PDB file of all heavy atoms in Angstrom:
ATOM      1  N   ARG A   1     -72.828  23.987 117.258  1.00  0.00           N
ATOM      2  CA  ARG A   1     -71.458  24.511 117.420  1.00  0.00           C
ATOM      3  C   ARG A   1     -71.387  25.899 117.996  1.00  0.00           C
ATOM      4  O   ARG A   1     -70.350  26.533 118.054  1.00  0.00           O
ATOM      5  CB  ARG A   1     -70.764  24.521 116.012  1.00  0.00           C
ATOM      6  CG  ARG A   1     -70.601  23.206 115.343  1.00  0.00           C
ATOM      7  CD  ARG A   1     -69.399  23.147 114.435  1.00  0.00           C
ATOM      8  NE  ARG A   1     -69.421  24.251 113.498  1.00  0.00           N
ATOM      9  CZ  ARG A   1     -69.774  24.104 112.197  1.00  0.00           C
ATOM     10  NH1 ARG A   1     -70.181  22.928 111.749  1.00  0.00           N
ATOM     11  NH2 ARG A   1     -69.693  25.104 111.376  1.00  0.00           N
ATOM     12  N   ILE A   2     -72.586  26.403 118.443  1.00  0.00           N
ATOM     13  CA  ILE A   2     -72.617  27.803 118.930  1.00  0.00           C
ATOM     14  C   ILE A   2     -71.680  28.050 120.079  1.00  0.00           C
ATOM     15  O   ILE A   2     -70.987  29.044 120.147  1.00  0.00           O
ATOM     16  CB  ILE A   2     -74.090  28.158 119.290  1.00  0.00           C
ATOM     17  CG1 ILE A   2     -74.876  28.363 117.989  1.00  0.00           C
ATOM     18  CG2 ILE A   2     -74.116  29.432 120.136  1.00  0.00           C
ATOM     19  CD1 ILE A   2     -76.307  28.597 118.223  1.00  0.00           C
ATOM     20  N   GLU A   3     -71.653  27.136 121.042  1.00  0.00           N
ATOM     21  CA  GLU A   3     -70.860  27.309 122.221  1.00  0.00           C
ATOM     22  C   GLU A   3     -69.354  27.376 121.891  1.00  0.00           C
ATOM     23  O   GLU A   3     -68.590  28.096 122.512  1.00  0.00           O
ATOM     24  CB  GLU A   3     -71.126  26.238 123.257  1.00  0.00           C
ATOM     25  CG  GLU A   3     -72.484  26.322 123.858  1.00  0.00           C
ATOM     26  CD  GLU A   3     -72.753  25.236 124.914  1.00  0.00           C
ATOM     27  OE1 GLU A   3     -71.770  24.521 125.205  1.00  0.00           O
ATOM     28  OE2 GLU A   3     -73.836  25.152 125.503  1.00  0.00           O
ATOM     29  N   GLN A   4     -68.956  26.571 120.878  1.00  0.00           N
ATOM     30  CA  GLN A   4     -67.549  26.588 120.511  1.00  0.00           C
ATOM     31  C   GLN A   4     -67.226  27.792 119.583  1.00  0.00           C
ATOM     32  O   GLN A   4     -66.104  28.272 119.574  1.00  0.00           O
ATOM     33  CB  GLN A   4     -67.198  25.270 119.737  1.00  0.00           C
ATOM     34  CG  GLN A   4     -67.208  24.070 120.586  1.00  0.00           C
ATOM     35  CD  GLN A   4     -68.614  23.535 120.903  1.00  0.00           C
ATOM     36  OE1 GLN A   4     -69.531  23.816 120.159  1.00  0.00           O
ATOM     37  NE2 GLN A   4     -68.795  22.859 122.040  1.00  0.00           N
ATOM     38  N   GLU A   5     -68.259  28.258 118.876  1.00  0.00           N
ATOM     39  CA  GLU A   5     -68.012  29.385 117.915  1.00  0.00           C
ATOM     40  C   GLU A   5     -69.048  30.484 118.181  1.00  0.00           C
ATOM     41  O   GLU A   5     -70.121  30.474 117.609  1.00  0.00           O
ATOM     42  CB  GLU A   5     -68.116  28.922 116.485  1.00  0.00           C
ATOM     43  CG  GLU A   5     -67.115  27.787 116.111  1.00  0.00           C
ATOM     44  CD  GLU A   5     -67.372  27.300 114.712  1.00  0.00           C
ATOM     45  OE1 GLU A   5     -68.010  27.975 113.893  1.00  0.00           O
ATOM     46  OE2 GLU A   5     -66.896  26.160 114.442  1.00  0.00           O
ATOM     47  N   PRO A   6     -68.783  31.375 119.151  1.00  0.00           N
ATOM     48  CA  PRO A   6     -69.728  32.408 119.515  1.00  0.00           C
ATOM     49  C   PRO A   6     -70.252  33.228 118.340  1.00  0.00           C
ATOM     50  O   PRO A   6     -71.365  33.725 118.420  1.00  0.00           O
ATOM     51  CB  PRO A   6     -68.990  33.252 120.507  1.00  0.00           C
ATOM     52  CG  PRO A   6     -67.921  32.368 121.062  1.00  0.00           C
ATOM     53  CD  PRO A   6     -67.524  31.444 119.942  1.00  0.00           C
ATOM     54  N   LEU A   7     -69.459  33.376 117.283  1.00  0.00           N
ATOM     55  CA  LEU A   7     -69.887  34.166 116.145  1.00  0.00           C
ATOM     56  C   LEU A   7     -71.149  33.606 115.517  1.00  0.00           C
ATOM     57  O   LEU A   7     -71.949  34.319 114.967  1.00  0.00           O
ATOM     58  CB  LEU A   7     -68.761  34.200 115.121  1.00  0.00           C
ATOM     59  CG  LEU A   7     -68.958  35.138 113.923  1.00  0.00           C
ATOM     60  CD1 LEU A   7     -69.110  36.608 114.354  1.00  0.00           C
ATOM     61  CD2 LEU A   7     -67.812  35.032 112.930  1.00  0.00           C
ATOM     62  N   ASN A   8     -71.307  32.287 115.685  1.00  0.00           N
ATOM     63  CA  ASN A   8     -72.526  31.672 115.156  1.00  0.00           C
ATOM     64  C   ASN A   8     -73.821  32.160 115.800  1.00  0.00           C
ATOM     65  O   ASN A   8     -74.903  31.939 115.257  1.00  0.00           O
ATOM     66  CB  ASN A   8     -72.446  30.137 115.268  1.00  0.00           C
ATOM     67  CG  ASN A   8     -71.727  29.471 114.110  1.00  0.00           C
ATOM     68  OD1 ASN A   8     -71.651  30.034 113.033  1.00  0.00           O
ATOM     69  ND2 ASN A   8     -71.219  28.296 114.344  1.00  0.00           N
ATOM     70  N   MET A   9     -73.708  32.803 116.926  1.00  0.00           N
ATOM     71  CA  MET A   9     -74.887  33.397 117.550  1.00  0.00           C
ATOM     72  C   MET A   9     -75.598  34.351 116.628  1.00  0.00           C
ATOM     73  O   MET A   9     -76.822  34.472 116.676  1.00  0.00           O
ATOM     74  CB  MET A   9     -74.505  34.132 118.848  1.00  0.00           C
ATOM     75  CG  MET A   9     -74.342  33.241 120.093  1.00  0.00           C
ATOM     76  SD  MET A   9     -75.825  32.361 120.543  1.00  0.00           S
ATOM     77  CE  MET A   9     -76.930  33.746 120.948  1.00  0.00           C
ATOM     78  N   LEU A  10     -74.824  35.010 115.766  1.00  0.00           N
ATOM     79  CA  LEU A  10     -75.444  35.899 114.806  1.00  0.00           C
ATOM     80  C   LEU A  10     -76.301  35.180 113.795  1.00  0.00           C
ATOM     81  O   LEU A  10     -77.189  35.758 113.159  1.00  0.00           O
ATOM     82  CB  LEU A  10     -74.331  36.664 114.043  1.00  0.00           C
ATOM     83  CG  LEU A  10     -73.406  37.598 114.874  1.00  0.00           C
ATOM     84  CD1 LEU A  10     -72.308  38.147 114.051  1.00  0.00           C
ATOM     85  CD2 LEU A  10     -74.237  38.726 115.476  1.00  0.00           C
ATOM     86  N   LEU A  11     -76.069  33.869 113.665  1.00  0.00           N
ATOM     87  CA  LEU A  11     -76.904  33.092 112.690  1.00  0.00           C
ATOM     88  C   LEU A  11     -78.173  32.586 113.277  1.00  0.00           C
ATOM     89  O   LEU A  11     -79.069  32.146 112.527  1.00  0.00           O
ATOM     90  CB  LEU A  11     -76.082  31.878 112.215  1.00  0.00           C
ATOM     91  CG  LEU A  11     -74.949  32.122 111.164  1.00  0.00           C
ATOM     92  CD1 LEU A  11     -74.210  30.866 110.919  1.00  0.00           C
ATOM     93  CD2 LEU A  11     -75.565  32.619 109.883  1.00  0.00           C
ATOM     94  N   ILE A  12     -78.310  32.587 114.592  1.00  0.00           N
ATOM     95  CA  ILE A  12     -79.478  32.006 115.221  1.00  0.00           C
ATOM     96  C   ILE A  12     -80.846  32.540 114.655  1.00  0.00           C
ATOM     97  O   ILE A  12     -81.713  31.753 114.299  1.00  0.00           O
ATOM     98  CB  ILE A  12     -79.455  32.176 116.758  1.00  0.00           C
ATOM     99  CG1 ILE A  12     -78.413  31.240 117.399  1.00  0.00           C
ATOM    100  CG2 ILE A  12     -80.781  31.956 117.397  1.00  0.00           C
ATOM    101  CD1 ILE A  12     -78.765  29.816 117.249  1.00  0.00           C
ATOM    102  N   PRO A  13     -80.993  33.871 114.503  1.00  0.00           N
ATOM    103  CA  PRO A  13     -82.284  34.373 113.972  1.00  0.00           C
ATOM    104  C   PRO A  13     -82.557  33.812 112.580  1.00  0.00           C
ATOM    105  O   PRO A  13     -83.666  33.438 112.297  1.00  0.00           O
ATOM    106  CB  PRO A  13     -82.090  35.877 113.975  1.00  0.00           C
ATOM    107  CG  PRO A  13     -81.096  36.155 114.997  1.00  0.00           C
ATOM    108  CD  PRO A  13     -80.131  34.985 114.944  1.00  0.00           C
ATOM    109  N   ASN A  14     -81.518  33.710 111.755  1.00  0.00           N
ATOM    110  CA  ASN A  14     -81.732  33.248 110.388  1.00  0.00           C
ATOM    111  C   ASN A  14     -81.982  31.729 110.299  1.00  0.00           C
ATOM    112  O   ASN A  14     -82.736  31.230 109.493  1.00  0.00           O
ATOM    113  CB  ASN A  14     -80.536  33.626 109.517  1.00  0.00           C
ATOM    114  CG  ASN A  14     -80.464  35.130 109.276  1.00  0.00           C
ATOM    115  OD1 ASN A  14     -79.869  35.847 110.038  1.00  0.00           O
ATOM    116  ND2 ASN A  14     -81.126  35.620 108.227  1.00  0.00           N
ATOM    117  N   ILE A  15     -81.283  31.031 111.234  1.00  0.00           N
ATOM    118  CA  ILE A  15     -81.541  29.585 111.262  1.00  0.00           C
ATOM    119  C   ILE A  15     -82.951  29.304 111.728  1.00  0.00           C
ATOM    120  O   ILE A  15     -83.649  28.461 111.165  1.00  0.00           O
ATOM    121  CB  ILE A  15     -80.523  28.913 112.240  1.00  0.00           C
ATOM    122  CG1 ILE A  15     -79.114  28.962 111.617  1.00  0.00           C
ATOM    123  CG2 ILE A  15     -80.902  27.475 112.521  1.00  0.00           C
ATOM    124  CD1 ILE A  15     -78.032  28.460 112.576  1.00  0.00           C
ATOM    125  N   MET A  16     -83.416  30.074 112.718  1.00  0.00           N
ATOM    126  CA  MET A  16     -84.804  29.881 113.200  1.00  0.00           C
ATOM    127  C   MET A  16     -85.800  30.227 112.116  1.00  0.00           C
ATOM    128  O   MET A  16     -86.783  29.545 111.880  1.00  0.00           O
ATOM    129  CB  MET A  16     -85.029  30.737 114.413  1.00  0.00           C
ATOM    130  CG  MET A  16     -84.423  30.214 115.696  1.00  0.00           C
ATOM    131  SD  MET A  16     -85.057  31.052 117.171  1.00  0.00           S
ATOM    132  CE  MET A  16     -84.533  32.730 116.889  1.00  0.00           C
ATOM    133  N   LYS A  17     -85.501  31.289 111.369  1.00  0.00           N
ATOM    134  CA  LYS A  17     -86.405  31.696 110.286  1.00  0.00           C
ATOM    135  C   LYS A  17     -86.442  30.643 109.199  1.00  0.00           C
ATOM    136  O   LYS A  17     -87.481  30.316 108.631  1.00  0.00           O
ATOM    137  CB  LYS A  17     -85.892  33.056 109.718  1.00  0.00           C
ATOM    138  CG  LYS A  17     -86.858  33.721 108.711  1.00  0.00           C
ATOM    139  CD  LYS A  17     -86.249  34.988 108.132  1.00  0.00           C
ATOM    140  CE  LYS A  17     -85.987  36.028 109.144  1.00  0.00           C
ATOM    141  NZ  LYS A  17     -85.490  37.310 108.560  1.00  0.00           N
ATOM    142  N   PHE A  18     -85.251  30.107 108.905  1.00  0.00           N
ATOM    143  CA  PHE A  18     -85.170  29.064 107.862  1.00  0.00           C
ATOM    144  C   PHE A  18     -86.017  27.850 108.236  1.00  0.00           C
ATOM    145  O   PHE A  18     -86.876  27.386 107.439  1.00  0.00           O
ATOM    146  CB  PHE A  18     -83.693  28.657 107.725  1.00  0.00           C
ATOM    147  CG  PHE A  18     -83.463  27.487 106.736  1.00  0.00           C
ATOM    148  CD1 PHE A  18     -83.349  27.768 105.403  1.00  0.00           C
ATOM    149  CD2 PHE A  18     -83.378  26.195 107.197  1.00  0.00           C
ATOM    150  CE1 PHE A  18     -83.127  26.686 104.481  1.00  0.00           C
ATOM    151  CE2 PHE A  18     -83.159  25.148 106.313  1.00  0.00           C
ATOM    152  CZ  PHE A  18     -83.041  25.407 104.962  1.00  0.00           C
ATOM    153  N   PHE A  19     -85.804  27.325 109.433  1.00  0.00           N
ATOM    154  CA  PHE A  19     -86.537  26.150 109.872  1.00  0.00           C
ATOM    155  C   PHE A  19     -88.018  26.464 110.097  1.00  0.00           C
ATOM    156  O   PHE A  19     -88.878  25.646 109.876  1.00  0.00           O
ATOM    157  CB  PHE A  19     -85.905  25.518 111.116  1.00  0.00           C
ATOM    158  CG  PHE A  19     -84.706  24.673 110.807  1.00  0.00           C
ATOM    159  CD1 PHE A  19     -83.439  25.179 110.775  1.00  0.00           C
ATOM    160  CD2 PHE A  19     -84.933  23.321 110.504  1.00  0.00           C
ATOM    161  CE1 PHE A  19     -82.349  24.360 110.505  1.00  0.00           C
ATOM    162  CE2 PHE A  19     -83.817  22.509 110.218  1.00  0.00           C
ATOM    163  CZ  PHE A  19     -82.545  23.034 110.199  1.00  0.00           C
ATOM    164  N   GLY A  20     -88.291  27.665 110.532  1.00  0.00           N
ATOM    165  CA  GLY A  20     -89.668  28.055 110.746  1.00  0.00           C
ATOM    166  C   GLY A  20     -90.498  28.116 109.500  1.00  0.00           C
ATOM    167  O   GLY A  20     -91.634  27.642 109.416  1.00  0.00           O
ATOM    168  N   LYS A  21     -89.918  28.730 108.417  1.00  0.00           N
ATOM    169  CA  LYS A  21     -90.615  28.854 107.169  1.00  0.00           C
ATOM    170  C   LYS A  21     -90.880  27.460 106.548  1.00  0.00           C
ATOM    171  O   LYS A  21     -91.890  27.187 105.983  1.00  0.00           O
ATOM    172  CB  LYS A  21     -89.846  29.687 106.229  1.00  0.00           C
ATOM    173  CG  LYS A  21     -89.927  31.223 106.585  1.00  0.00           C
ATOM    174  CD  LYS A  21     -89.193  32.052 105.543  1.00  0.00           C
ATOM    175  CE  LYS A  21     -89.333  33.525 105.876  1.00  0.00           C
ATOM    176  NZ  LYS A  21     -88.666  34.395 104.885  1.00  0.00           N
ATOM    177  N   ILE A  22     -89.866  26.585 106.716  1.00  0.00           N
ATOM    178  CA  ILE A  22     -90.003  25.215 106.178  1.00  0.00           C
ATOM    179  C   ILE A  22     -91.010  24.455 107.047  1.00  0.00           C
ATOM    180  O   ILE A  22     -91.824  23.687 106.577  1.00  0.00           O
ATOM    181  CB  ILE A  22     -88.666  24.503 106.100  1.00  0.00           C
ATOM    182  CG1 ILE A  22     -87.825  25.147 104.988  1.00  0.00           C
ATOM    183  CG2 ILE A  22     -88.801  23.024 105.806  1.00  0.00           C
ATOM    184  CD1 ILE A  22     -86.411  24.710 104.916  1.00  0.00           C
ATOM    185  N   GLY A  23     -90.956  24.754 108.357  1.00  0.00           N
ATOM    186  CA  GLY A  23     -91.897  24.081 109.282  1.00  0.00           C
ATOM    187  C   GLY A  23     -93.363  24.453 108.999  1.00  0.00           C
ATOM    188  O   GLY A  23     -94.257  23.645 109.277  1.00  0.00           O
ATOM    189  N   ALA A  24     -93.600  25.650 108.476  1.00  0.00           N
ATOM    190  CA  ALA A  24     -94.996  26.014 108.093  1.00  0.00           C
ATOM    191  C   ALA A  24     -95.508  25.122 106.957  1.00  0.00           C
ATOM    192  O   ALA A  24     -96.702  24.887 106.819  1.00  0.00           O
ATOM    193  CB  ALA A  24     -95.015  27.478 107.683  1.00  0.00           C
ATOM    194  N   ILE A  25     -94.572  24.663 106.104  1.00  0.00           N
ATOM    195  CA  ILE A  25     -94.951  23.803 104.959  1.00  0.00           C
ATOM    196  C   ILE A  25     -94.861  22.346 105.323  1.00  0.00           C
ATOM    197  O   ILE A  25     -95.763  21.523 105.014  1.00  0.00           O
ATOM    198  CB  ILE A  25     -94.004  24.061 103.784  1.00  0.00           C
ATOM    199  CG1 ILE A  25     -93.984  25.568 103.436  1.00  0.00           C
ATOM    200  CG2 ILE A  25     -94.412  23.274 102.556  1.00  0.00           C
ATOM    201  CD1 ILE A  25     -92.729  25.980 102.602  1.00  0.00           C
ATOM    202  N   GLN A  26     -93.774  21.976 106.057  1.00  0.00           N
ATOM    203  CA  GLN A  26     -93.572  20.555 106.419  1.00  0.00           C
ATOM    204  C   GLN A  26     -93.261  20.498 107.915  1.00  0.00           C
ATOM    205  O   GLN A  26     -92.118  20.257 108.325  1.00  0.00           O
ATOM    206  CB  GLN A  26     -92.386  20.024 105.629  1.00  0.00           C
ATOM    207  CG  GLN A  26     -92.494  20.102 104.112  1.00  0.00           C
ATOM    208  CD  GLN A  26     -93.168  18.889 103.521  1.00  0.00           C
ATOM    209  OE1 GLN A  26     -93.538  17.985 104.271  1.00  0.00           O
ATOM    210  NE2 GLN A  26     -93.321  18.856 102.222  1.00  0.00           N
ATOM    211  N   PRO A  27     -94.270  20.692 108.778  1.00  0.00           N
ATOM    212  CA  PRO A  27     -93.999  20.703 110.238  1.00  0.00           C
ATOM    213  C   PRO A  27     -93.406  19.407 110.750  1.00  0.00           C
ATOM    214  O   PRO A  27     -92.515  19.438 111.600  1.00  0.00           O
ATOM    215  CB  PRO A  27     -95.354  20.974 110.854  1.00  0.00           C
ATOM    216  CG  PRO A  27     -96.321  20.626 109.794  1.00  0.00           C
ATOM    217  CD  PRO A  27     -95.687  20.901 108.496  1.00  0.00           C
TER     218      PRO A  27
END
């Protein structure tokens, strides 16, 4: 939904961090 809601761009780093940390455990 980023393109429709530009404010969500602020969430990108945290979303990446969230999936990255879980990816280290469950790639």
